[in-house]
Amino acid sequence: MRILALFDDGNGSVKKALPDHDVVSVGIGTADIVMDLSDLKNIKKLVDMHKKDPFDLLMASPPCESWSFATAGDNGNAYRDKTSLALRTFQNWKKHPYVSVRRLVERNAPEIPAIYSRYLRKGVNGDLTALFTAELVKALGISFVIENPQSSMIFDKLEREGLSFVKNVACYAAYSDDFPLKRTGFASGVAMNLKQANRAKFAFNAWKGSRHIVRSSIPVDLIKDIVSYFE
C-alpha cells in the first residue's frame, strides 16, 4: 500500500512502523519530501504527485500545540477561543488564566509582547496546517487518518472546513508499556475499534530518555492496527 505521511518528519513514526509499505513522508524536517505544510500552494504539488503515482491512504499528525488543552482555561486555551476557534488578541491573551501567561502579566514582564508573538505565530501555523490537511484530503479523495489529542479543538476545525469523519480514540499505553496513557483521536472515514486503557505502566519521572520523543511518537503496534483497517 502506498501511504502519504504528512508531518512524519520528526521521529518518522509512520515510516519506521511500516517497512513493508511504500510510505512517503512529508514535512519541513527529515522527510522524503521536504515541504512546508502550512503553505497552501503546496497542495497542488501533492495532488499532481498523486495523479502520477496514486496514494492509497493519507496519514497526518498536524501540530497540536495551539489546539490542545495543555494551556487550558477560559473557554479554550492560551492560543484560541474554543467556541469561535479564533486566535486570541493581545489584550485577550493577557487576561488568560494559564499560569505562564498570568505570571508574566503579574510581574509586568518586558518580554510579554515577544512571547505573545510566539503564541500568535504558532496559532497561525496551527490554522494553516489544519486547513492544508483538510483541503488535501478533499482534493485527493482517498482514505485518511488524522491524529491529534482526543480533546483537541482541531477536530472542530476540520469539521468546519467541510471534512466528514468518525473520531476514533485509542490509548497509547494499550499498545506499548513504553508510552504514557495518552488518549488520542484519529479522524477517519472509517470506524475503527482501537484499544483503550485506564492506566499506564509508563512514568515520566522514571524516564531517562527524551520526553519530546515520547510525546511526539506513536506506538508501532497502534500504527499497524490503524493501517490494517485499510489493507
C-alpha atoms as a PDB file:
ATOM      1  CA  MET A   1       0.000   0.000   0.000  1.00  0.00           C
ATOM      2  CA  ARG A   2       1.245   3.477  -0.853  1.00  0.00           C
ATOM      3  CA  ILE A   3       0.863   5.883   2.082  1.00  0.00           C
ATOM      4  CA  LEU A   4       1.304   9.653   2.191  1.00  0.00           C
ATOM      5  CA  ALA A   5       2.510  10.514   5.706  1.00  0.00           C
ATOM      6  CA  LEU A   6       2.168  14.226   6.466  1.00  0.00           C
ATOM      7  CA  PHE A   7       4.160  15.721   9.366  1.00  0.00           C
ATOM      8  CA  ASP A   8       6.121  12.451   9.658  1.00  0.00           C
ATOM      9  CA  ASP A   9       9.394  14.376   9.501  1.00  0.00           C
ATOM     10  CA  GLY A  10      10.186  14.400  13.224  1.00  0.00           C
ATOM     11  CA  ASN A  11      10.502  10.905  14.610  1.00  0.00           C
ATOM     12  CA  GLY A  12       9.245   9.285  11.416  1.00  0.00           C
ATOM     13  CA  SER A  13       6.817   7.111  13.368  1.00  0.00           C
ATOM     14  CA  VAL A  14       4.728   6.041  10.369  1.00  0.00           C
ATOM     15  CA  LYS A  15       7.627   5.329   8.034  1.00  0.00           C
ATOM     16  CA  LYS A  16       9.542   3.350  10.685  1.00  0.00           C
ATOM     17  CA  ALA A  17       6.481   1.319  11.662  1.00  0.00           C
ATOM     18  CA  LEU A  18       5.577   0.257   8.114  1.00  0.00           C
ATOM     19  CA  PRO A  19       8.673  -1.032   6.304  1.00  0.00           C
ATOM     20  CA  ASP A  20       6.519  -3.337   4.164  1.00  0.00           C
ATOM     21  CA  HIS A  21       4.551  -0.419   2.733  1.00  0.00           C
ATOM     22  CA  ASP A  22       5.561   2.392   0.401  1.00  0.00           C
ATOM     23  CA  VAL A  23       5.466   5.279   2.863  1.00  0.00           C
ATOM     24  CA  VAL A  24       6.267   8.768   1.552  1.00  0.00           C
ATOM     25  CA  SER A  25       6.954  11.106   4.460  1.00  0.00           C
ATOM     26  CA  VAL A  26       6.426  14.847   4.081  1.00  0.00           C
ATOM     27  CA  GLY A  27       7.414  17.743   6.350  1.00  0.00           C
ATOM     28  CA  ILE A  28       9.891  20.531   6.974  1.00  0.00           C
ATOM     29  CA  GLY A  29      12.454  18.315   8.726  1.00  0.00           C
ATOM     30  CA  THR A  30      13.946  14.963   7.788  1.00  0.00           C
ATOM     31  CA  ALA A  31      11.483  13.546   5.275  1.00  0.00           C
ATOM     32  CA  ASP A  32      11.277  12.012   1.811  1.00  0.00           C
ATOM     33  CA  ILE A  33       9.736  15.263   0.606  1.00  0.00           C
ATOM     34  CA  VAL A  34      10.800  18.434   2.393  1.00  0.00           C
ATOM     35  CA  MET A  35       7.796  20.722   2.162  1.00  0.00           C
ATOM     36  CA  ASP A  36       6.106  23.485   4.160  1.00  0.00           C
ATOM     37  CA  LEU A  37       2.689  22.061   5.035  1.00  0.00           C
ATOM     38  CA  SER A  38       1.409  25.481   6.092  1.00  0.00           C
ATOM     39  CA  ASP A  39       1.801  26.802   2.535  1.00  0.00           C
ATOM     40  CA  LEU A  40      -1.459  26.082   0.731  1.00  0.00           C
ATOM     41  CA  LYS A  41       0.249  26.358  -2.671  1.00  0.00           C
ATOM     42  CA  ASN A  42       1.893  23.006  -1.938  1.00  0.00           C
ATOM     43  CA  ILE A  43      -1.449  21.194  -2.014  1.00  0.00           C
ATOM     44  CA  LYS A  44      -1.303  21.200  -5.819  1.00  0.00           C
ATOM     45  CA  LYS A  45       2.169  19.626  -5.776  1.00  0.00           C
ATOM     46  CA  LEU A  46       0.928  16.680  -3.732  1.00  0.00           C
ATOM     47  CA  VAL A  47      -2.214  16.347  -5.850  1.00  0.00           C
ATOM     48  CA  ASP A  48      -0.071  16.260  -9.015  1.00  0.00           C
ATOM     49  CA  MET A  49       2.147  13.629  -7.422  1.00  0.00           C
ATOM     50  CA  HIS A  50      -0.941  11.566  -6.581  1.00  0.00           C
ATOM     51  CA  LYS A  51      -2.114  11.736 -10.201  1.00  0.00           C
ATOM     52  CA  LYS A  52       1.201  10.303 -11.419  1.00  0.00           C
ATOM     53  CA  ASP A  53       1.570   7.619  -8.746  1.00  0.00           C
ATOM     54  CA  PRO A  54      -1.619   7.329  -6.642  1.00  0.00           C
ATOM     55  CA  PHE A  55      -1.617   7.062  -2.867  1.00  0.00           C
ATOM     56  CA  ASP A  56      -3.974   4.645  -1.109  1.00  0.00           C
ATOM     57  CA  LEU A  57      -4.005   6.290   2.305  1.00  0.00           C
ATOM     58  CA  LEU A  58      -3.172   9.675   3.815  1.00  0.00           C
ATOM     59  CA  MET A  59      -1.960   9.770   7.415  1.00  0.00           C
ATOM     60  CA  ALA A  60      -1.376  13.099   9.132  1.00  0.00           C
ATOM     61  CA  SER A  61      -0.349  14.369  12.560  1.00  0.00           C
ATOM     62  CA  PRO A  62      -0.755  18.166  12.335  1.00  0.00           C
ATOM     63  CA  PRO A  63       0.887  20.303  15.048  1.00  0.00           C
ATOM     64  CA  CYS A  64      -1.367  20.098  18.105  1.00  0.00           C
ATOM     65  CA  GLU A  65       0.083  22.790  20.373  1.00  0.00           C
ATOM     66  CA  SER A  66      -2.396  25.548  19.531  1.00  0.00           C
ATOM     67  CA  TRP A  67      -5.336  23.108  19.510  1.00  0.00           C
ATOM     68  CA  SER A  68      -4.752  21.074  22.668  1.00  0.00           C
ATOM     69  CA  PHE A  69      -5.786  21.872  26.218  1.00  0.00           C
ATOM     70  CA  ALA A  70      -2.263  21.750  27.637  1.00  0.00           C
ATOM     71  CA  THR A  71      -2.687  25.519  28.186  1.00  0.00           C
ATOM     72  CA  ALA A  72      -6.376  25.241  29.094  1.00  0.00           C
ATOM     73  CA  GLY A  73      -8.511  27.907  30.717  1.00  0.00           C
ATOM     74  CA  ASP A  74     -11.240  30.443  30.000  1.00  0.00           C
ATOM     75  CA  ASN A  75     -13.168  28.813  27.109  1.00  0.00           C
ATOM     76  CA  GLY A  76     -10.300  27.300  25.204  1.00  0.00           C
ATOM     77  CA  ASN A  77      -6.564  27.598  25.662  1.00  0.00           C
ATOM     78  CA  ALA A  78      -3.911  30.298  25.658  1.00  0.00           C
ATOM     79  CA  TYR A  79      -3.905  30.334  21.861  1.00  0.00           C
ATOM     80  CA  ARG A  80      -7.565  30.398  20.858  1.00  0.00           C
ATOM     81  CA  ASP A  81     -11.216  30.616  21.873  1.00  0.00           C
ATOM     82  CA  LYS A  82     -12.992  27.237  21.989  1.00  0.00           C
ATOM     83  CA  THR A  83     -16.301  28.499  20.635  1.00  0.00           C
ATOM     84  CA  SER A  84     -15.094  30.504  17.646  1.00  0.00           C
ATOM     85  CA  LEU A  85     -11.644  28.858  17.319  1.00  0.00           C
ATOM     86  CA  ALA A  86     -10.332  32.383  16.730  1.00  0.00           C
ATOM     87  CA  LEU A  87      -6.811  33.210  17.894  1.00  0.00           C
ATOM     88  CA  ARG A  88      -6.609  35.440  20.949  1.00  0.00           C
ATOM     89  CA  THR A  89      -5.904  39.128  20.534  1.00  0.00           C
ATOM     90  CA  PHE A  90      -3.053  40.604  22.551  1.00  0.00           C
ATOM     91  CA  GLN A  91      -5.405  42.123  25.142  1.00  0.00           C
ATOM     92  CA  ASN A  92      -7.471  38.953  25.435  1.00  0.00           C
ATOM     93  CA  TRP A  93      -4.326  36.789  25.721  1.00  0.00           C
ATOM     94  CA  LYS A  94      -3.013  38.903  28.612  1.00  0.00           C
ATOM     95  CA  LYS A  95      -6.228  38.165  30.547  1.00  0.00           C
ATOM     96  CA  HIS A  96      -5.940  34.410  30.076  1.00  0.00           C
ATOM     97  CA  PRO A  97      -5.582  32.440  33.343  1.00  0.00           C
ATOM     98  CA  TYR A  98      -2.979  29.963  32.050  1.00  0.00           C
ATOM     99  CA  VAL A  99      -0.265  30.075  34.712  1.00  0.00           C
ATOM    100  CA  SER A 100       2.666  31.014  32.457  1.00  0.00           C
ATOM    101  CA  VAL A 101       0.750  33.912  30.947  1.00  0.00           C
ATOM    102  CA  ARG A 102      -0.645  35.043  34.290  1.00  0.00           C
ATOM    103  CA  ARG A 103       2.799  35.168  35.897  1.00  0.00           C
ATOM    104  CA  LEU A 104       4.187  37.252  33.045  1.00  0.00           C
ATOM    105  CA  VAL A 105       1.370  39.758  33.398  1.00  0.00           C
ATOM    106  CA  GLU A 106       1.584  39.860  37.193  1.00  0.00           C
ATOM    107  CA  ARG A 107       5.210  40.963  37.070  1.00  0.00           C
ATOM    108  CA  ASN A 108       4.651  43.151  34.004  1.00  0.00           C
ATOM    109  CA  ALA A 109       7.479  41.333  32.225  1.00  0.00           C
ATOM    110  CA  PRO A 110       9.108  43.332  29.410  1.00  0.00           C
ATOM    111  CA  GLU A 111       9.139  40.216  27.203  1.00  0.00           C
ATOM    112  CA  ILE A 112       5.314  39.980  27.122  1.00  0.00           C
ATOM    113  CA  PRO A 113       4.946  41.265  23.502  1.00  0.00           C
ATOM    114  CA  ALA A 114       7.639  38.896  22.219  1.00  0.00           C
ATOM    115  CA  ILE A 115       6.098  35.895  23.972  1.00  0.00           C
ATOM    116  CA  TYR A 116       2.632  36.768  22.664  1.00  0.00           C
ATOM    117  CA  SER A 117       4.143  36.911  19.173  1.00  0.00           C
ATOM    118  CA  ARG A 118       5.363  33.334  19.604  1.00  0.00           C
ATOM    119  CA  TYR A 119       1.897  32.209  20.665  1.00  0.00           C
ATOM    120  CA  LEU A 120       0.365  34.016  17.701  1.00  0.00           C
ATOM    121  CA  ARG A 121       2.801  32.516  15.173  1.00  0.00           C
ATOM    122  CA  LYS A 122       2.160  29.005  16.479  1.00  0.00           C
ATOM    123  CA  GLY A 123      -1.571  29.669  16.359  1.00  0.00           C
ATOM    124  CA  VAL A 124      -1.415  30.844  12.751  1.00  0.00           C
ATOM    125  CA  ASN A 125       0.674  27.792  11.887  1.00  0.00           C
ATOM    126  CA  GLY A 126      -1.961  25.617  13.568  1.00  0.00           C
ATOM    127  CA  ASP A 127      -4.712  27.195  11.481  1.00  0.00           C
ATOM    128  CA  LEU A 128      -2.810  26.809   8.226  1.00  0.00           C
ATOM    129  CA  THR A 129      -1.632  23.235   8.769  1.00  0.00           C
ATOM    130  CA  ALA A 130      -5.143  22.138   9.760  1.00  0.00           C
ATOM    131  CA  LEU A 131      -6.592  23.830   6.676  1.00  0.00           C
ATOM    132  CA  PHE A 132      -3.870  22.316   4.473  1.00  0.00           C
ATOM    133  CA  THR A 133      -4.706  18.835   5.782  1.00  0.00           C
ATOM    134  CA  ALA A 134      -8.459  19.216   5.288  1.00  0.00           C
ATOM    135  CA  GLU A 135      -8.133  20.641   1.779  1.00  0.00           C
ATOM    136  CA  LEU A 136      -5.643  17.968   0.710  1.00  0.00           C
ATOM    137  CA  VAL A 137      -7.904  15.176   1.973  1.00  0.00           C
ATOM    138  CA  LYS A 138     -10.792  16.596  -0.036  1.00  0.00           C
ATOM    139  CA  ALA A 139      -8.631  17.100  -3.137  1.00  0.00           C
ATOM    140  CA  LEU A 140      -7.173  13.579  -3.095  1.00  0.00           C
ATOM    141  CA  GLY A 141     -10.431  11.808  -2.300  1.00  0.00           C
ATOM    142  CA  ILE A 142      -8.659   8.850  -0.669  1.00  0.00           C
ATOM    143  CA  SER A 143      -8.880   7.193   2.750  1.00  0.00           C
ATOM    144  CA  PHE A 144      -7.368   9.253   5.561  1.00  0.00           C
ATOM    145  CA  VAL A 145      -6.413   9.216   9.229  1.00  0.00           C
ATOM    146  CA  ILE A 146      -5.691  12.464  11.079  1.00  0.00           C
ATOM    147  CA  GLU A 147      -4.162  12.243  14.569  1.00  0.00           C
ATOM    148  CA  ASN A 148      -4.371  14.720  17.460  1.00  0.00           C
ATOM    149  CA  PRO A 149      -5.064  14.593  21.209  1.00  0.00           C
ATOM    150  CA  GLN A 150      -8.548  13.271  21.984  1.00  0.00           C
ATOM    151  CA  SER A 151      -9.856  16.642  23.199  1.00  0.00           C
ATOM    152  CA  SER A 152      -8.043  18.703  20.552  1.00  0.00           C
ATOM    153  CA  MET A 153     -10.023  21.544  19.023  1.00  0.00           C
ATOM    154  CA  ILE A 154      -8.574  20.632  15.627  1.00  0.00           C
ATOM    155  CA  PHE A 155     -11.421  18.158  15.116  1.00  0.00           C
ATOM    156  CA  ASP A 156     -13.890  21.058  15.318  1.00  0.00           C
ATOM    157  CA  LYS A 157     -11.733  22.956  12.845  1.00  0.00           C
ATOM    158  CA  LEU A 158     -11.699  20.051  10.384  1.00  0.00           C
ATOM    159  CA  GLU A 159     -15.493  19.768  10.561  1.00  0.00           C
ATOM    160  CA  ARG A 160     -15.890  23.490   9.972  1.00  0.00           C
ATOM    161  CA  GLU A 161     -13.668  23.129   6.908  1.00  0.00           C
ATOM    162  CA  GLY A 162     -16.163  20.639   5.487  1.00  0.00           C
ATOM    163  CA  LEU A 163     -14.464  17.364   6.363  1.00  0.00           C
ATOM    164  CA  SER A 164     -16.755  14.486   7.382  1.00  0.00           C
ATOM    165  CA  PHE A 165     -15.270  11.804   9.622  1.00  0.00           C
ATOM    166  CA  VAL A 166     -15.582   9.473  12.573  1.00  0.00           C
ATOM    167  CA  LYS A 167     -13.367  10.336  15.550  1.00  0.00           C
ATOM    168  CA  ASN A 168     -11.819   7.089  16.753  1.00  0.00           C
ATOM    169  CA  VAL A 169     -10.000   7.031  20.099  1.00  0.00           C
ATOM    170  CA  ALA A 170      -7.024   4.967  21.200  1.00  0.00           C
ATOM    171  CA  CYS A 171      -4.767   4.944  24.263  1.00  0.00           C
ATOM    172  CA  TYR A 172      -1.058   4.678  23.567  1.00  0.00           C
ATOM    173  CA  ALA A 173      -0.477   2.680  26.741  1.00  0.00           C
ATOM    174  CA  ALA A 174      -2.766  -0.052  25.421  1.00  0.00           C
ATOM    175  CA  TYR A 175      -0.239  -0.691  22.660  1.00  0.00           C
ATOM    176  CA  SER A 176       3.081  -0.314  24.461  1.00  0.00           C
ATOM    177  CA  ASP A 177       4.406  -0.047  28.015  1.00  0.00           C
ATOM    178  CA  ASP A 178       6.929   2.478  26.686  1.00  0.00           C
ATOM    179  CA  PHE A 179       4.251   5.159  26.330  1.00  0.00           C
ATOM    180  CA  PRO A 180       2.018   7.152  28.707  1.00  0.00           C
ATOM    181  CA  LEU A 181      -1.760   6.649  28.641  1.00  0.00           C
ATOM    182  CA  LYS A 182      -2.251   9.433  26.070  1.00  0.00           C
ATOM    183  CA  ARG A 183      -5.841   9.239  24.843  1.00  0.00           C
ATOM    184  CA  THR A 184      -5.642  10.232  21.194  1.00  0.00           C
ATOM    185  CA  GLY A 185      -8.196  10.929  18.487  1.00  0.00           C
ATOM    186  CA  PHE A 186      -7.931   9.606  14.937  1.00  0.00           C
ATOM    187  CA  ALA A 187     -10.295  11.249  12.453  1.00  0.00           C
ATOM    188  CA  SER A 188     -11.135   8.978   9.549  1.00  0.00           C
ATOM    189  CA  GLY A 189     -13.902   7.993   7.190  1.00  0.00           C
ATOM    190  CA  VAL A 190     -13.625   4.517   8.697  1.00  0.00           C
ATOM    191  CA  ALA A 191     -14.801   3.488  12.166  1.00  0.00           C
ATOM    192  CA  MET A 192     -12.011   1.626  13.963  1.00  0.00           C
ATOM    193  CA  ASN A 193     -12.149  -0.455  17.112  1.00  0.00           C
ATOM    194  CA  LEU A 194      -8.883   0.757  18.620  1.00  0.00           C
ATOM    195  CA  LYS A 195      -7.585  -0.330  22.016  1.00  0.00           C
ATOM    196  CA  GLN A 196      -8.342   1.564  25.244  1.00  0.00           C
ATOM    197  CA  ALA A 197      -6.681   1.561  28.669  1.00  0.00           C
ATOM    198  CA  ASN A 198      -7.385   3.027  32.102  1.00  0.00           C
ATOM    199  CA  ARG A 199      -3.818   3.311  33.318  1.00  0.00           C
ATOM    200  CA  ALA A 200      -0.238   3.130  32.085  1.00  0.00           C
ATOM    201  CA  LYS A 201       2.868   1.482  33.447  1.00  0.00           C
ATOM    202  CA  PHE A 202       4.959   4.257  31.941  1.00  0.00           C
ATOM    203  CA  ALA A 203       6.024   7.112  34.243  1.00  0.00           C
ATOM    204  CA  PHE A 204       7.746  10.273  33.033  1.00  0.00           C
ATOM    205  CA  ASN A 205       9.512  10.735  36.380  1.00  0.00           C
ATOM    206  CA  ALA A 206      11.342   7.447  35.809  1.00  0.00           C
ATOM    207  CA  TRP A 207      12.004   8.024  32.112  1.00  0.00           C
ATOM    208  CA  LYS A 208      15.636   8.730  31.229  1.00  0.00           C
ATOM    209  CA  GLY A 209      15.135   9.450  27.526  1.00  0.00           C
ATOM    210  CA  SER A 210      13.761  12.458  25.657  1.00  0.00           C
ATOM    211  CA  ARG A 211      10.272  13.494  26.739  1.00  0.00           C
ATOM    212  CA  HIS A 212       9.775  15.219  23.402  1.00  0.00           C
ATOM    213  CA  ILE A 213      10.387  11.970  21.517  1.00  0.00           C
ATOM    214  CA  VAL A 214       7.853  10.121  23.673  1.00  0.00           C
ATOM    215  CA  ARG A 215       5.264  12.870  23.300  1.00  0.00           C
ATOM    216  CA  SER A 216       5.646  13.157  19.526  1.00  0.00           C
ATOM    217  CA  SER A 217       5.941   9.446  18.661  1.00  0.00           C
ATOM    218  CA  ILE A 218       3.172   6.914  18.012  1.00  0.00           C
ATOM    219  CA  PRO A 219       3.436   3.261  19.109  1.00  0.00           C
ATOM    220  CA  VAL A 220       4.363   0.950  16.256  1.00  0.00           C
ATOM    221  CA  ASP A 221       1.568  -1.524  17.041  1.00  0.00           C
ATOM    222  CA  LEU A 222      -1.012   1.279  17.037  1.00  0.00           C
ATOM    223  CA  ILE A 223       0.076   2.407  13.571  1.00  0.00           C
ATOM    224  CA  LYS A 224      -0.086  -1.181  12.321  1.00  0.00           C
ATOM    225  CA  ASP A 225      -3.536  -1.626  13.870  1.00  0.00           C
ATOM    226  CA  ILE A 226      -4.827   1.514  12.138  1.00  0.00           C
ATOM    227  CA  VAL A 227      -3.384   0.559   8.754  1.00  0.00           C
ATOM    228  CA  SER A 228      -4.937  -2.932   8.998  1.00  0.00           C
ATOM    229  CA  TYR A 229      -8.368  -1.305   8.506  1.00  0.00           C
ATOM    230  CA  PHE A 230      -7.328  -0.133   5.037  1.00  0.00           C
ATOM    231  CA  GLU A 231      -5.452  -3.162   3.700  1.00  0.00           C
END
